[in-house]
Amino acid sequence: MSAERGWRTARIEEIPGVPPASEPAYWQEWTEDPGYASRWHSVREHFGIEAFGVNACKAAAGEELVVPHDESSFGGQEELYAVV
């Protein structure tokens, strides 16, 4: 890794969502939670990752964290979830 690139960190609150996932209408198919889009953070775009997708979603107790969905419309990709 070059000195110019180095390590970068960010708090989840510093990482914005990007359209269309940052827009509430995008999530209507999967959740009735109107605040879901505001808790979705586009990690890949923030750090310029190009090889794979990385997102983060933050939720308090009782809020939906992972929406039920099917990846067939997204090319059948596989996902990994780490809940901390």
N, C-alpha and C. Protein backbone atom coordinates (compact mmCIF):
# COMPACT_ATOMS: atom_id res chain seq x y z
N MET A 1 0.85 -1.18 0.00
CA MET A 1 0.00 0.00 0.00
C MET A 1 0.89 1.23 0.00
N SER A 2 0.64 2.16 -0.87
CA SER A 2 1.48 3.35 -0.99
C SER A 2 1.22 4.32 0.16
N ALA A 3 2.19 5.17 0.42
CA ALA A 3 2.07 6.16 1.48
C ALA A 3 0.94 7.14 1.21
N GLU A 4 0.67 7.42 -0.07
CA GLU A 4 -0.40 8.37 -0.40
C GLU A 4 -1.77 7.83 -0.02
N ARG A 5 -1.95 6.51 -0.17
CA ARG A 5 -3.26 5.92 0.08
C ARG A 5 -3.44 5.66 1.57
N GLY A 6 -2.53 4.98 2.20
CA GLY A 6 -2.56 4.72 3.63
C GLY A 6 -3.89 4.21 4.16
N TRP A 7 -3.99 4.15 5.46
CA TRP A 7 -5.19 3.71 6.13
C TRP A 7 -6.14 4.88 6.34
N ARG A 8 -7.40 4.63 6.23
CA ARG A 8 -8.42 5.65 6.51
C ARG A 8 -9.46 5.05 7.44
N THR A 9 -10.00 5.87 8.30
CA THR A 9 -11.07 5.44 9.19
C THR A 9 -12.21 6.44 9.12
N ALA A 10 -13.38 6.02 9.54
CA ALA A 10 -14.53 6.92 9.61
C ALA A 10 -15.54 6.34 10.58
N ARG A 11 -16.21 7.20 11.28
CA ARG A 11 -17.34 6.78 12.10
C ARG A 11 -18.52 6.57 11.17
N ILE A 12 -19.39 5.64 11.51
CA ILE A 12 -20.52 5.34 10.63
C ILE A 12 -21.35 6.59 10.33
N GLU A 13 -21.47 7.49 11.29
CA GLU A 13 -22.25 8.71 11.09
C GLU A 13 -21.62 9.64 10.05
N GLU A 14 -20.33 9.47 9.78
CA GLU A 14 -19.61 10.30 8.81
C GLU A 14 -19.75 9.77 7.38
N ILE A 15 -20.28 8.56 7.25
CA ILE A 15 -20.39 7.93 5.93
C ILE A 15 -21.81 8.11 5.41
N PRO A 16 -21.98 8.89 4.36
CA PRO A 16 -23.33 9.13 3.86
C PRO A 16 -23.85 7.95 3.04
N GLY A 17 -25.15 7.93 2.85
CA GLY A 17 -25.75 7.01 1.89
C GLY A 17 -25.66 7.66 0.53
N VAL A 18 -25.79 6.88 -0.52
CA VAL A 18 -25.81 7.43 -1.88
C VAL A 18 -27.07 6.92 -2.58
N PRO A 19 -27.62 7.72 -3.47
CA PRO A 19 -28.81 7.29 -4.19
C PRO A 19 -28.51 6.04 -5.04
N PRO A 20 -29.44 5.18 -5.21
CA PRO A 20 -30.82 5.28 -4.77
C PRO A 20 -31.05 4.79 -3.34
N ALA A 21 -30.07 4.10 -2.73
CA ALA A 21 -30.28 3.52 -1.40
C ALA A 21 -30.49 4.56 -0.31
N SER A 22 -30.09 5.79 -0.53
CA SER A 22 -30.28 6.83 0.49
C SER A 22 -31.68 7.44 0.45
N GLU A 23 -32.48 7.00 -0.51
CA GLU A 23 -33.83 7.54 -0.67
C GLU A 23 -34.86 6.57 -0.09
N PRO A 24 -35.75 7.05 0.78
CA PRO A 24 -36.74 6.18 1.41
C PRO A 24 -37.55 5.34 0.43
N ALA A 25 -37.90 5.87 -0.73
CA ALA A 25 -38.70 5.14 -1.71
C ALA A 25 -38.00 3.85 -2.16
N TYR A 26 -36.68 3.85 -2.18
CA TYR A 26 -35.92 2.66 -2.60
C TYR A 26 -36.25 1.46 -1.72
N TRP A 27 -36.46 1.68 -0.43
CA TRP A 27 -36.65 0.60 0.53
C TRP A 27 -38.10 0.18 0.72
N GLN A 28 -39.06 0.88 0.11
CA GLN A 28 -40.48 0.58 0.33
C GLN A 28 -40.85 -0.85 -0.04
N GLU A 29 -40.16 -1.44 -0.98
CA GLU A 29 -40.44 -2.82 -1.38
C GLU A 29 -40.13 -3.81 -0.26
N TRP A 30 -39.20 -3.47 0.63
CA TRP A 30 -38.71 -4.41 1.63
C TRP A 30 -39.07 -4.07 3.07
N THR A 31 -39.33 -2.81 3.37
CA THR A 31 -39.59 -2.44 4.76
C THR A 31 -40.61 -1.31 4.84
N GLU A 32 -41.33 -1.30 5.93
CA GLU A 32 -42.28 -0.22 6.20
C GLU A 32 -41.65 0.83 7.11
N ASP A 33 -40.41 0.64 7.47
CA ASP A 33 -39.68 1.57 8.35
C ASP A 33 -39.26 2.80 7.56
N PRO A 34 -39.89 3.96 7.79
CA PRO A 34 -39.56 5.16 7.01
C PRO A 34 -38.16 5.71 7.28
N GLY A 35 -37.54 5.31 8.38
CA GLY A 35 -36.20 5.80 8.71
C GLY A 35 -35.07 4.90 8.25
N TYR A 36 -35.41 3.79 7.59
CA TYR A 36 -34.37 2.83 7.21
C TYR A 36 -33.30 3.45 6.31
N ALA A 37 -33.72 4.21 5.32
CA ALA A 37 -32.75 4.81 4.38
C ALA A 37 -31.76 5.72 5.08
N SER A 38 -32.19 6.41 6.12
CA SER A 38 -31.29 7.33 6.83
C SER A 38 -30.25 6.60 7.67
N ARG A 39 -30.47 5.30 7.92
CA ARG A 39 -29.51 4.51 8.69
C ARG A 39 -28.60 3.68 7.81
N TRP A 40 -28.76 3.77 6.49
CA TRP A 40 -27.98 3.00 5.51
C TRP A 40 -26.78 3.83 5.09
N HIS A 41 -25.59 3.28 5.15
CA HIS A 41 -24.36 4.01 4.84
C HIS A 41 -23.58 3.28 3.76
N SER A 42 -23.17 3.99 2.75
CA SER A 42 -22.49 3.41 1.58
C SER A 42 -20.97 3.45 1.78
N VAL A 43 -20.47 2.45 2.47
CA VAL A 43 -19.05 2.36 2.82
C VAL A 43 -18.16 2.27 1.58
N ARG A 44 -18.58 1.47 0.60
CA ARG A 44 -17.77 1.28 -0.61
C ARG A 44 -17.48 2.61 -1.29
N GLU A 45 -18.49 3.40 -1.50
CA GLU A 45 -18.31 4.69 -2.17
C GLU A 45 -17.46 5.64 -1.33
N HIS A 46 -17.68 5.65 -0.03
CA HIS A 46 -16.95 6.57 0.86
C HIS A 46 -15.44 6.34 0.80
N PHE A 47 -15.05 5.07 0.77
CA PHE A 47 -13.62 4.74 0.77
C PHE A 47 -13.06 4.43 -0.62
N GLY A 48 -13.90 4.47 -1.64
CA GLY A 48 -13.43 4.21 -3.00
C GLY A 48 -13.11 2.75 -3.27
N ILE A 49 -13.79 1.84 -2.58
CA ILE A 49 -13.57 0.41 -2.79
C ILE A 49 -14.25 0.02 -4.10
N GLU A 50 -13.53 -0.68 -4.97
CA GLU A 50 -14.09 -1.04 -6.27
C GLU A 50 -14.26 -2.55 -6.47
N ALA A 51 -13.61 -3.37 -5.68
CA ALA A 51 -13.61 -4.81 -5.91
C ALA A 51 -14.87 -5.52 -5.42
N PHE A 52 -15.56 -4.94 -4.45
CA PHE A 52 -16.74 -5.59 -3.87
C PHE A 52 -17.58 -4.54 -3.16
N GLY A 53 -18.81 -4.88 -2.86
CA GLY A 53 -19.70 -3.95 -2.18
C GLY A 53 -19.54 -4.01 -0.68
N VAL A 54 -19.65 -2.87 -0.03
CA VAL A 54 -19.60 -2.78 1.43
C VAL A 54 -20.59 -1.71 1.86
N ASN A 55 -21.52 -2.09 2.70
CA ASN A 55 -22.49 -1.15 3.24
C ASN A 55 -22.58 -1.36 4.74
N ALA A 56 -23.14 -0.41 5.43
CA ALA A 56 -23.38 -0.53 6.86
C ALA A 56 -24.76 0.00 7.17
N CYS A 57 -25.42 -0.64 8.08
CA CYS A 57 -26.73 -0.18 8.53
C CYS A 57 -26.72 -0.19 10.04
N LYS A 58 -27.16 0.90 10.62
CA LYS A 58 -27.16 1.05 12.07
C LYS A 58 -28.61 1.05 12.55
N ALA A 59 -28.89 0.33 13.63
CA ALA A 59 -30.25 0.28 14.16
C ALA A 59 -30.23 0.18 15.67
N ALA A 60 -31.20 0.79 16.29
CA ALA A 60 -31.39 0.69 17.73
C ALA A 60 -32.26 -0.53 18.02
N ALA A 61 -32.36 -0.89 19.28
CA ALA A 61 -33.20 -2.02 19.67
C ALA A 61 -34.61 -1.81 19.12
N GLY A 62 -35.14 -2.84 18.47
CA GLY A 62 -36.49 -2.79 17.92
C GLY A 62 -36.58 -2.26 16.50
N GLU A 63 -35.51 -1.67 15.97
CA GLU A 63 -35.51 -1.18 14.59
C GLU A 63 -35.03 -2.30 13.66
N GLU A 64 -35.54 -2.27 12.44
CA GLU A 64 -35.14 -3.27 11.46
C GLU A 64 -33.70 -3.03 11.02
N LEU A 65 -32.91 -4.09 11.02
CA LEU A 65 -31.50 -3.97 10.65
C LEU A 65 -31.23 -4.58 9.28
N VAL A 66 -31.73 -5.78 9.05
CA VAL A 66 -31.56 -6.46 7.76
C VAL A 66 -32.97 -6.72 7.22
N VAL A 67 -33.28 -6.14 6.07
CA VAL A 67 -34.60 -6.32 5.50
C VAL A 67 -34.70 -7.65 4.77
N PRO A 68 -35.81 -8.35 4.88
CA PRO A 68 -35.99 -9.59 4.12
C PRO A 68 -35.99 -9.26 2.62
N HIS A 69 -35.18 -9.96 1.86
CA HIS A 69 -35.09 -9.68 0.43
C HIS A 69 -34.48 -10.87 -0.31
N ASP A 70 -34.52 -10.78 -1.62
CA ASP A 70 -34.01 -11.82 -2.50
C ASP A 70 -33.01 -11.16 -3.45
N GLU A 71 -31.86 -11.73 -3.60
CA GLU A 71 -30.81 -11.14 -4.43
C GLU A 71 -30.91 -11.50 -5.91
N SER A 72 -31.95 -12.22 -6.32
CA SER A 72 -32.03 -12.63 -7.72
C SER A 72 -32.11 -11.44 -8.67
N SER A 73 -32.75 -10.36 -8.26
CA SER A 73 -32.82 -9.18 -9.14
C SER A 73 -31.50 -8.39 -9.14
N PHE A 74 -30.56 -8.77 -8.30
CA PHE A 74 -29.25 -8.12 -8.24
C PHE A 74 -28.16 -9.06 -8.74
N GLY A 75 -28.51 -9.96 -9.65
CA GLY A 75 -27.53 -10.86 -10.23
C GLY A 75 -27.22 -12.07 -9.39
N GLY A 76 -28.02 -12.34 -8.37
CA GLY A 76 -27.80 -13.51 -7.54
C GLY A 76 -26.59 -13.40 -6.63
N GLN A 77 -26.15 -12.18 -6.35
CA GLN A 77 -24.97 -12.00 -5.51
C GLN A 77 -25.18 -12.62 -4.12
N GLU A 78 -24.09 -12.93 -3.47
CA GLU A 78 -24.15 -13.43 -2.11
C GLU A 78 -23.78 -12.30 -1.17
N GLU A 79 -24.29 -12.37 0.06
CA GLU A 79 -24.02 -11.32 1.04
C GLU A 79 -23.51 -11.92 2.33
N LEU A 80 -22.73 -11.16 3.04
CA LEU A 80 -22.24 -11.53 4.36
C LEU A 80 -22.68 -10.43 5.32
N TYR A 81 -23.27 -10.82 6.42
CA TYR A 81 -23.70 -9.86 7.43
C TYR A 81 -22.90 -10.07 8.70
N ALA A 82 -22.39 -9.02 9.27
CA ALA A 82 -21.72 -9.05 10.56
C ALA A 82 -22.51 -8.11 11.48
N VAL A 83 -23.13 -8.67 12.48
CA VAL A 83 -23.94 -7.87 13.41
C VAL A 83 -23.13 -7.70 14.69
N VAL A 84 -22.86 -6.44 15.00
CA VAL A 84 -22.04 -6.13 16.18
C VAL A 84 -22.91 -5.42 17.19
